[in-house]
Amino acid sequence: MTRLGGTMTSRRLVIVLAAGCAVSAAAGTAPALAGTGAGPAARVVAERRIDARTLDLTVSSPAVGQRVKVRLITPRGWSRTAKRTWPVLYALHGGRDGYQSWTRSTDIERLAARYDVMVVMPDAGYNASYTNWFNYGRRGKPRWETFHTGELRRLVESRYRGGTRRAVMGLSSGGYGALSYSARNPGMFRYAASFSGPARISQRRMQTSALATVFASGNGVDPLRIWGVPGVHDANWRAHDPYERAAGLRGTRVHLSSGTTGKRGPLDRDLTPEQELVSRFVGGDQERLIGRSNMDLARRLRSLGVRVTTHFYGDGWHQWRYWQREMHSIWPAMMSAIGARRTG
């Protein structure tokens, strides 16, 4: 689950969570959907070459209201003046992390080097909410969905020779982002993969878990700004819920994976004390809840005729070893879906 932050007092959070269980959606005005919109153009204000194939960009984003980091892995033979374009994979990070996470914690660079593909790894802020924040109905910044699916996508395609054959994958809250963005923008992505991503955020238990996790992270953010107050603003939660928006995934191949028991699994050995503490905390009740939400979504997608593959592996905590394994497992199918040829 995304691990955000909050400054509300404990008393206020308890009141909010209780209200979420008692107040009907009719108690508030149903919000309009938060669309991506065009808005002012984003600009790349800095580039830094990390190695022969990797670029870090700094993007000035009107939608987010700040400068945002993005890491690109470019394919063999790439240049910004090339006549051709390349298939694009967007890789989304989880909460309390950043745009470097995939290259830090997996061998995604080695995998990408074997295929004719560009990989885009954008930052999503400490909260990694992957939504345009509700802000108690006032909307406004930060508009992360607008940045990722609008501003950044246009920059990748206009300045860096990214093509329109796109896939998206994410872990934890980034997995939610991959599903939500694909469902809310039908046809934008040919393939969407979620590793341990919440798939039914408007369920009451998932709302409670999300708000409690935000509150516990302590980075000074009011968690109710993101999707609103449960029970009062449920229409906005549903508008961003992959399960509720599942029909929008028609035409996109979907992969879902997660643990389902919350118990220690085969890859949860030899962790550092810090890794074990975090993995056990998130991988217990939350991974079990996430697993159930993914199984629910899989059933719904099949009933709608959406092509979906799953790997619900039972025991296993909420940590990178499982996500690395899942990435390797689906990579060939994901590359095939966007027409990325194997080159190495």
Protein backbone atom coordinates (compact mmCIF):
# COMPACT_ATOMS: atom_id res chain seq x y z
CA MET A 1 0.00 0.00 0.00
CA THR A 2 1.20 3.50 -0.59
CA ARG A 3 2.87 4.82 2.53
CA LEU A 4 2.13 8.50 2.81
CA GLY A 5 2.25 11.03 5.60
CA GLY A 6 -0.09 13.17 7.70
CA THR A 7 -0.28 15.85 10.38
CA MET A 8 -3.79 15.34 11.70
CA THR A 9 -4.10 14.71 15.42
CA SER A 10 -4.90 11.16 16.45
CA ARG A 11 -8.29 12.31 17.74
CA ARG A 12 -9.21 13.86 14.38
CA LEU A 13 -8.14 10.77 12.47
CA VAL A 14 -10.22 8.51 14.70
CA ILE A 15 -13.25 10.76 14.16
CA VAL A 16 -12.70 10.69 10.40
CA LEU A 17 -12.34 6.91 10.27
CA ALA A 18 -15.45 6.44 12.39
CA ALA A 19 -17.36 8.84 10.19
CA GLY A 20 -16.27 6.87 7.16
CA CYS A 21 -18.05 3.84 8.54
CA ALA A 22 -21.26 5.68 9.41
CA VAL A 23 -21.89 8.47 6.91
CA SER A 24 -23.54 7.65 3.61
CA ALA A 25 -22.29 8.99 0.29
CA ALA A 26 -25.44 11.07 0.13
CA ALA A 27 -24.09 13.25 2.92
CA GLY A 28 -21.76 15.02 0.50
CA THR A 29 -21.99 16.41 -2.96
CA ALA A 30 -20.85 13.93 -5.60
CA PRO A 31 -17.68 15.37 -7.15
CA ALA A 32 -17.04 15.51 -10.85
CA LEU A 33 -14.34 13.26 -12.23
CA ALA A 34 -10.83 14.68 -12.07
CA GLY A 35 -9.74 14.56 -15.70
CA THR A 36 -6.21 14.87 -16.98
CA GLY A 37 -6.73 18.06 -19.02
CA ALA A 38 -4.19 19.79 -21.23
CA GLY A 39 -3.20 22.85 -19.20
CA PRO A 40 0.05 24.80 -19.63
CA ALA A 41 2.99 22.96 -21.15
CA ALA A 42 5.55 21.29 -18.90
CA ARG A 43 9.23 21.96 -19.63
CA VAL A 44 12.44 19.99 -19.21
CA VAL A 45 14.67 22.41 -17.32
CA ALA A 46 17.68 20.13 -16.76
CA GLU A 47 19.18 16.89 -18.06
CA ARG A 48 21.91 14.80 -16.45
CA ARG A 49 23.48 11.79 -18.14
CA ILE A 50 23.95 8.92 -15.68
CA ASP A 51 25.58 6.53 -18.14
CA ALA A 52 25.56 5.77 -21.86
CA ARG A 53 21.91 4.67 -21.79
CA THR A 54 20.41 6.55 -18.82
CA LEU A 55 19.24 10.15 -18.53
CA ASP A 56 17.80 11.97 -15.53
CA LEU A 57 15.41 14.79 -16.38
CA THR A 58 14.12 17.63 -14.24
CA VAL A 59 10.66 18.66 -15.41
CA SER A 60 8.94 21.88 -14.41
CA SER A 61 5.32 20.76 -14.04
CA PRO A 62 2.43 23.26 -13.91
CA ALA A 63 0.13 20.39 -12.91
CA VAL A 64 2.15 19.40 -9.85
CA GLY A 65 3.35 22.91 -9.11
CA GLN A 66 6.98 21.97 -8.70
CA ARG A 67 9.97 20.42 -10.45
CA VAL A 68 9.74 16.64 -10.84
CA LYS A 69 12.53 14.13 -11.49
CA VAL A 70 12.24 11.48 -14.20
CA ARG A 71 14.74 8.76 -15.14
CA LEU A 72 14.90 7.45 -18.73
CA ILE A 73 16.55 4.24 -19.92
CA THR A 74 17.06 4.71 -23.64
CA PRO A 75 17.23 1.82 -26.15
CA ARG A 76 20.22 0.86 -28.26
CA GLY A 77 20.64 3.27 -31.17
CA TRP A 78 18.48 5.96 -29.56
CA SER A 79 18.94 9.64 -30.28
CA ARG A 80 16.62 12.57 -29.77
CA THR A 81 16.82 13.33 -33.53
CA ALA A 82 16.08 9.78 -34.72
CA LYS A 83 13.44 9.43 -37.40
CA ARG A 84 11.86 6.44 -35.71
CA THR A 85 10.12 6.14 -32.32
CA TRP A 86 10.35 3.40 -29.67
CA PRO A 87 7.79 1.52 -27.57
CA VAL A 88 7.62 2.89 -24.03
CA LEU A 89 7.32 1.23 -20.62
CA TYR A 90 6.37 3.46 -17.69
CA ALA A 91 7.58 2.05 -14.33
CA LEU A 92 5.90 3.55 -11.24
CA HIS A 93 7.40 3.50 -7.75
CA GLY A 94 5.72 2.95 -4.39
CA GLY A 95 5.17 5.22 -1.41
CA ARG A 96 8.08 6.70 0.56
CA ASP A 97 10.33 6.11 -2.42
CA GLY A 98 11.31 7.84 -5.64
CA TYR A 99 12.16 7.72 -9.31
CA GLN A 100 15.48 5.91 -8.74
CA SER A 101 13.83 2.95 -7.01
CA TRP A 102 13.60 0.58 -9.99
CA THR A 103 17.26 0.99 -10.94
CA ARG A 104 18.29 0.82 -7.26
CA SER A 105 16.32 -2.29 -6.31
CA THR A 106 15.99 -4.35 -9.51
CA ASP A 107 17.96 -5.26 -12.62
CA ILE A 108 15.55 -3.39 -14.90
CA GLU A 109 18.48 -1.86 -16.81
CA ARG A 110 19.76 -5.31 -17.76
CA LEU A 111 16.30 -6.43 -18.87
CA ALA A 112 15.69 -3.27 -20.87
CA ALA A 113 19.04 -3.64 -22.65
CA ARG A 114 17.78 -6.85 -24.25
CA TYR A 115 14.82 -5.17 -25.91
CA ASP A 116 14.06 -2.33 -28.28
CA VAL A 117 12.24 -0.33 -25.58
CA MET A 118 12.44 2.96 -23.72
CA VAL A 119 11.77 2.86 -19.97
CA VAL A 120 10.39 5.96 -18.21
CA MET A 121 10.57 6.08 -14.40
CA PRO A 122 8.88 9.25 -13.08
CA ASP A 123 8.77 10.52 -9.56
CA ALA A 124 5.34 10.63 -7.93
CA GLY A 125 6.18 12.44 -4.72
CA TYR A 126 6.71 10.96 -1.27
CA ASN A 127 3.01 10.10 -1.12
CA ALA A 128 2.92 8.29 -4.49
CA SER A 129 -0.84 8.81 -4.66
CA TYR A 130 -1.15 8.66 -8.47
CA THR A 131 -4.16 10.93 -8.55
CA ASN A 132 -5.15 14.57 -8.90
CA TRP A 133 -5.70 15.49 -5.27
CA PHE A 134 -9.27 16.20 -4.18
CA ASN A 135 -8.35 18.88 -1.63
CA TYR A 136 -11.78 18.76 0.05
CA GLY A 137 -13.51 19.43 -3.26
CA ARG A 138 -11.36 22.40 -4.24
CA ARG A 139 -9.20 20.24 -6.56
CA GLY A 140 -5.99 21.99 -7.62
CA LYS A 141 -2.39 20.91 -7.07
CA PRO A 142 -0.76 18.47 -6.96
CA ARG A 143 -2.26 16.91 -10.08
CA TRP A 144 -0.13 13.78 -10.44
CA GLU A 145 -2.40 12.03 -12.93
CA THR A 146 -2.29 15.06 -15.20
CA PHE A 147 1.49 15.14 -14.95
CA HIS A 148 2.07 11.45 -15.66
CA THR A 149 -0.56 10.79 -18.32
CA GLY A 150 -0.53 14.25 -19.93
CA GLU A 151 2.49 16.48 -19.40
CA LEU A 152 5.17 13.80 -19.13
CA ARG A 153 3.71 11.59 -21.85
CA ARG A 154 3.71 14.51 -24.29
CA LEU A 155 7.33 15.36 -23.44
CA VAL A 156 8.46 11.77 -23.90
CA GLU A 157 6.75 11.59 -27.28
CA SER A 158 7.68 15.03 -28.58
CA ARG A 159 11.25 15.39 -27.30
CA TYR A 160 12.59 11.90 -26.62
CA ARG A 161 11.18 9.81 -29.49
CA GLY A 162 8.80 7.79 -27.37
CA GLY A 163 6.07 6.11 -29.39
CA THR A 164 2.40 5.48 -28.76
CA ARG A 165 2.76 1.77 -28.00
CA ARG A 166 2.83 1.99 -24.23
CA ALA A 167 2.88 -0.31 -21.20
CA VAL A 168 2.82 0.57 -17.51
CA MET A 169 3.82 -1.39 -14.44
CA GLY A 170 4.04 -0.46 -10.80
CA LEU A 171 4.54 -1.84 -7.32
CA SER A 172 2.50 -1.15 -4.19
CA SER A 173 0.86 2.26 -4.69
CA GLY A 174 2.58 2.37 -8.10
CA GLY A 175 0.69 -0.81 -8.96
CA TYR A 176 -2.50 1.00 -8.05
CA GLY A 177 -1.35 3.85 -10.29
CA ALA A 178 -0.78 1.51 -13.23
CA LEU A 179 -4.33 0.16 -12.91
CA SER A 180 -6.02 3.48 -12.20
CA TYR A 181 -4.30 5.34 -15.04
CA SER A 182 -5.11 2.56 -17.50
CA ALA A 183 -8.76 2.32 -16.43
CA ARG A 184 -9.30 6.08 -16.40
CA ASN A 185 -7.58 6.58 -19.76
CA PRO A 186 -8.88 3.72 -21.93
CA GLY A 187 -6.53 2.76 -24.73
CA MET A 188 -3.55 4.71 -23.43
CA PHE A 189 -1.68 1.56 -22.38
CA ARG A 190 -1.62 -1.80 -24.14
CA TYR A 191 -0.40 -3.61 -21.02
CA ALA A 192 -0.79 -2.81 -17.31
CA ALA A 193 0.90 -4.76 -14.52
CA SER A 194 0.38 -4.31 -10.80
CA PHE A 195 2.60 -5.91 -8.17
CA SER A 196 0.99 -5.79 -4.70
CA GLY A 197 -1.10 -2.78 -5.72
CA PRO A 198 -4.40 -1.91 -3.98
CA ALA A 199 -7.20 -2.63 -6.46
CA ARG A 200 -10.37 -1.62 -4.55
CA ILE A 201 -9.59 1.65 -2.81
CA SER A 202 -13.23 2.62 -2.23
CA GLN A 203 -13.88 -0.41 -0.01
CA ARG A 204 -14.31 0.79 3.56
CA ARG A 205 -11.50 -1.34 4.98
CA MET A 206 -9.16 -0.21 2.20
CA GLN A 207 -10.08 3.43 2.84
CA THR A 208 -9.35 3.00 6.53
CA SER A 209 -6.05 1.27 5.80
CA ALA A 210 -5.02 3.95 3.30
CA LEU A 211 -5.76 6.82 5.67
CA ALA A 212 -4.08 5.11 8.61
CA THR A 213 -0.97 4.41 6.53
CA VAL A 214 -0.86 8.02 5.32
CA PHE A 215 -1.24 9.27 8.86
CA ALA A 216 1.50 6.98 10.20
CA SER A 217 4.13 8.11 7.71
CA GLY A 218 4.42 11.58 9.21
CA ASN A 219 5.55 13.78 6.31
CA GLY A 220 3.20 16.65 7.08
CA VAL A 221 0.35 15.79 4.67
CA ASP A 222 -3.34 15.69 5.57
CA PRO A 223 -4.39 12.32 4.07
CA LEU A 224 -7.96 13.49 3.46
CA ARG A 225 -6.68 15.90 0.80
CA ILE A 226 -5.95 12.99 -1.54
CA TRP A 227 -9.33 11.29 -2.17
CA GLY A 228 -11.58 12.90 0.43
CA VAL A 229 -13.49 11.81 3.55
CA PRO A 230 -14.81 8.23 3.47
CA GLY A 231 -18.59 8.14 3.43
CA VAL A 232 -18.81 11.79 2.43
CA HIS A 233 -16.70 11.80 -0.72
CA ASP A 234 -17.08 8.17 -1.75
CA ALA A 235 -17.96 9.21 -5.31
CA ASN A 236 -14.43 10.55 -5.70
CA TRP A 237 -12.89 7.39 -4.23
CA ARG A 238 -14.95 5.29 -6.67
CA ALA A 239 -13.93 7.50 -9.58
CA HIS A 240 -10.31 6.48 -8.92
CA ASP A 241 -10.96 2.85 -7.99
CA PRO A 242 -9.66 0.28 -10.54
CA TYR A 243 -12.40 -2.17 -9.54
CA GLU A 244 -15.15 0.40 -10.10
CA ARG A 245 -13.53 1.58 -13.36
CA ALA A 246 -12.73 -1.93 -14.61
CA ALA A 247 -14.66 -1.51 -17.87
CA GLY A 248 -12.04 1.07 -18.89
CA LEU A 249 -9.47 -1.74 -19.01
CA ARG A 250 -11.07 -3.35 -22.05
CA GLY A 251 -8.42 -3.46 -24.75
CA THR A 252 -5.58 -3.50 -22.22
CA ARG A 253 -3.84 -6.70 -21.17
CA VAL A 254 -3.69 -6.78 -17.38
CA HIS A 255 -1.42 -8.67 -14.97
CA LEU A 256 -2.11 -8.82 -11.22
CA SER A 257 0.15 -10.35 -8.58
CA SER A 258 0.38 -10.21 -4.80
CA GLY A 259 0.64 -12.26 -1.67
CA THR A 260 -2.63 -13.28 -0.09
CA THR A 261 -1.92 -14.60 3.42
CA GLY A 262 0.32 -11.93 4.95
CA LYS A 263 2.63 -14.69 6.21
CA ARG A 264 6.39 -14.97 5.72
CA GLY A 265 7.15 -16.46 2.32
CA PRO A 266 10.10 -18.16 0.60
CA LEU A 267 11.80 -14.86 -0.32
CA ASP A 268 11.46 -13.33 3.15
CA ARG A 269 14.77 -14.71 4.41
CA ASP A 270 18.02 -12.96 5.31
CA LEU A 271 16.43 -9.50 5.41
CA THR A 272 18.04 -6.71 7.37
CA PRO A 273 16.22 -5.86 10.62
CA GLU A 274 14.81 -2.70 8.99
CA GLN A 275 13.67 -4.59 5.88
CA GLU A 276 12.02 -7.25 8.04
CA LEU A 277 10.23 -4.68 10.20
CA VAL A 278 8.80 -2.82 7.20
CA SER A 279 8.00 -5.97 5.23
CA ARG A 280 6.29 -7.62 8.19
CA PHE A 281 4.27 -4.48 9.00
CA VAL A 282 3.06 -3.84 5.46
CA GLY A 283 3.09 -7.50 4.44
CA GLY A 284 0.73 -8.65 7.15
CA ASP A 285 -2.78 -7.25 7.22
CA GLN A 286 -2.16 -4.88 4.31
CA GLU A 287 -0.74 -7.44 1.88
CA ARG A 288 -3.59 -9.79 2.77
CA LEU A 289 -6.11 -7.00 2.14
CA ILE A 290 -4.37 -6.06 -1.11
CA GLY A 291 -4.41 -9.70 -2.21
CA ARG A 292 -8.15 -9.97 -1.70
CA SER A 293 -8.74 -6.78 -3.64
CA ASN A 294 -6.69 -8.12 -6.54
CA MET A 295 -8.58 -11.40 -6.60
CA ASP A 296 -11.83 -9.43 -6.67
CA LEU A 297 -10.57 -7.34 -9.57
CA ALA A 298 -9.42 -10.42 -11.49
CA ARG A 299 -12.91 -11.93 -11.24
CA ARG A 300 -14.50 -8.68 -12.37
CA LEU A 301 -12.14 -8.30 -15.32
CA ARG A 302 -12.85 -11.84 -16.49
CA SER A 303 -16.59 -11.18 -16.28
CA LEU A 304 -16.03 -8.15 -18.52
CA GLY A 305 -13.96 -10.07 -21.05
CA VAL A 306 -10.70 -8.27 -20.21
CA ARG A 307 -7.54 -10.29 -20.82
CA VAL A 308 -5.98 -10.78 -17.38
CA THR A 309 -3.24 -13.00 -16.02
CA THR A 310 -2.61 -13.46 -12.31
CA HIS A 311 -0.03 -14.76 -9.87
CA PHE A 312 -1.40 -14.88 -6.36
CA TYR A 313 1.46 -16.52 -4.53
CA GLY A 314 -0.02 -16.95 -1.07
CA ASP A 315 2.71 -16.48 1.53
CA GLY A 316 4.97 -13.48 1.01
CA TRP A 317 5.49 -10.03 2.45
CA HIS A 318 5.38 -6.63 0.79
CA GLN A 319 8.92 -6.34 -0.54
CA TRP A 320 11.19 -6.02 -3.59
CA ARG A 321 12.27 -9.64 -4.00
CA TYR A 322 8.75 -10.61 -5.01
CA TRP A 323 8.38 -7.60 -7.31
CA GLN A 324 11.71 -8.34 -9.01
CA ARG A 325 10.56 -11.91 -9.62
CA GLU A 326 7.21 -10.76 -11.00
CA MET A 327 8.87 -8.25 -13.33
CA HIS A 328 11.02 -10.98 -14.84
CA SER A 329 8.04 -13.28 -15.19
CA ILE A 330 5.90 -10.86 -17.22
CA TRP A 331 8.59 -8.97 -19.12
CA PRO A 332 8.44 -10.98 -22.39
CA ALA A 333 4.63 -10.76 -22.57
CA MET A 334 4.73 -7.06 -21.78
CA MET A 335 7.32 -6.41 -24.49
CA SER A 336 5.28 -8.45 -26.98
CA ALA A 337 2.16 -6.40 -26.21
CA ILE A 338 3.89 -3.15 -27.19
CA GLY A 339 5.88 -4.60 -30.09
CA ALA A 340 9.32 -4.23 -28.47
CA ARG A 341 11.70 -6.60 -30.28
CA ARG A 342 14.36 -8.59 -28.46
CA THR A 343 17.77 -7.31 -29.51
CA GLY A 344 20.16 -9.04 -27.14
